[in-house]
Amino acid sequence: MATITEDLVRKTLRSVKDPELNLNIVDLGLVYDIAVQDGEVEVKMTLTSPGCPAGPEIMTDAEQAVRGIDGVTEAKIELVWEPYWTPERIDPRVRAFLGL
């Protein structure tokens, strides 16, 4: 069984995409914090807007991705609104690619 680390969780969450933007939630800057302790993983994340129609799908996909990591016994995805997401939170390399 692999050791569960913040980096492993972040790498796994890169597989979760915002279906409207077709970018992963890590590069979009939606993942704010990851805590790992004894097989339990807690992720604090946001959405691009409170009315994001893909929000429930993204949250479910994130939880399923984390639960799929070998050794994870509990996965909690907490939706937070502070700090509020802005395009400046997008990974600089991705922002440059998008021309933002």
Protein backbone atom coordinates (compact mmCIF):
# COMPACT_ATOMS: atom_id res chain seq x y z
CA MET A 1 0.00 0.00 0.00
CA ALA A 2 1.37 3.39 -1.01
CA THR A 3 1.80 6.11 1.57
CA ILE A 4 -0.98 8.65 1.23
CA THR A 5 0.54 12.10 0.88
CA GLU A 6 -0.77 15.53 -0.01
CA ASP A 7 1.14 15.27 -3.30
CA LEU A 8 -0.50 11.93 -4.12
CA VAL A 9 -3.96 13.36 -3.41
CA ARG A 10 -3.18 16.47 -5.50
CA LYS A 11 -1.94 14.27 -8.37
CA THR A 12 -5.10 12.18 -8.16
CA LEU A 13 -7.32 15.28 -8.15
CA ARG A 14 -5.69 16.37 -11.42
CA SER A 15 -7.86 13.67 -13.04
CA VAL A 16 -11.01 15.59 -12.03
CA LYS A 17 -12.03 18.13 -14.66
CA ASP A 18 -14.42 21.02 -14.73
CA PRO A 19 -16.59 19.81 -17.63
CA GLU A 20 -17.36 23.35 -18.80
CA LEU A 21 -13.73 24.51 -18.94
CA ASN A 22 -12.16 21.08 -19.63
CA LEU A 23 -9.35 21.85 -17.16
CA ASN A 24 -8.50 19.89 -14.04
CA ILE A 25 -9.52 21.33 -10.67
CA VAL A 26 -5.94 21.56 -9.38
CA ASP A 27 -4.64 23.64 -12.30
CA LEU A 28 -7.80 25.77 -12.10
CA GLY A 29 -6.86 26.64 -8.53
CA LEU A 30 -10.05 25.19 -7.06
CA VAL A 31 -8.24 22.99 -4.51
CA TYR A 32 -7.27 25.14 -1.52
CA ASP A 33 -6.10 22.65 1.11
CA ILE A 34 -5.45 18.93 1.53
CA ALA A 35 -5.08 17.24 4.91
CA VAL A 36 -4.10 13.59 5.28
CA GLN A 37 -4.14 11.69 8.56
CA ASP A 38 -4.28 7.92 9.13
CA GLY A 39 -6.05 7.12 5.86
CA GLU A 40 -8.48 10.02 6.20
CA VAL A 41 -8.29 12.74 3.58
CA GLU A 42 -9.96 16.12 3.81
CA VAL A 43 -9.96 18.44 0.82
CA LYS A 44 -11.08 22.06 0.97
CA MET A 45 -12.04 23.32 -2.43
CA THR A 46 -14.19 25.86 -4.17
CA LEU A 47 -15.95 26.30 -7.49
CA THR A 48 -15.59 28.98 -10.13
CA SER A 49 -18.89 30.49 -8.94
CA PRO A 50 -21.61 29.71 -6.38
CA GLY A 51 -24.02 29.01 -9.24
CA CYS A 52 -21.66 26.65 -11.08
CA PRO A 53 -24.02 24.16 -12.78
CA ALA A 54 -21.29 21.49 -12.79
CA GLY A 55 -20.63 21.94 -9.06
CA PRO A 56 -22.32 18.76 -7.79
CA GLU A 57 -20.64 16.69 -10.53
CA ILE A 58 -17.20 18.14 -9.75
CA MET A 59 -17.60 17.57 -6.01
CA THR A 60 -18.75 13.97 -6.54
CA ASP A 61 -15.92 13.27 -8.99
CA ALA A 62 -13.37 14.70 -6.52
CA GLU A 63 -14.68 12.56 -3.67
CA GLN A 64 -14.70 9.41 -5.82
CA ALA A 65 -11.15 10.10 -7.03
CA VAL A 66 -9.85 10.49 -3.46
CA ARG A 67 -11.74 7.40 -2.27
CA GLY A 68 -10.06 5.46 -5.09
CA ILE A 69 -6.59 6.02 -3.63
CA ASP A 70 -5.23 2.82 -2.09
CA GLY A 71 -5.41 3.07 1.69
CA VAL A 72 -7.94 5.92 1.94
CA THR A 73 -10.53 5.02 4.56
CA GLU A 74 -12.44 8.31 4.57
CA ALA A 75 -12.70 11.13 2.03
CA LYS A 76 -14.29 14.45 2.88
CA ILE A 77 -14.64 17.19 0.30
CA GLU A 78 -15.52 20.50 1.91
CA LEU A 79 -16.85 23.31 -0.26
CA VAL A 80 -15.53 26.70 0.83
CA TRP A 81 -16.06 30.20 -0.57
CA GLU A 82 -13.15 32.01 1.07
CA PRO A 83 -11.04 33.10 -0.52
CA TYR A 84 -13.38 33.62 -3.43
CA TRP A 85 -12.05 32.05 -6.65
CA THR A 86 -10.79 34.32 -9.42
CA PRO A 87 -8.95 33.48 -12.67
CA GLU A 88 -5.71 34.61 -11.00
CA ARG A 89 -5.83 31.34 -9.03
CA ILE A 90 -5.29 29.33 -12.22
CA ASP A 91 -1.80 27.80 -12.45
CA PRO A 92 0.44 30.40 -14.17
CA ARG A 93 1.52 27.95 -16.89
CA VAL A 94 -2.11 27.16 -17.72
CA ARG A 95 -3.03 30.86 -17.59
CA ALA A 96 -0.25 31.61 -20.08
CA PHE A 97 -1.43 28.78 -22.35
CA LEU A 98 -4.98 30.16 -22.23
CA GLY A 99 -3.71 33.65 -22.92
CA LEU A 100 -5.10 35.06 -19.66
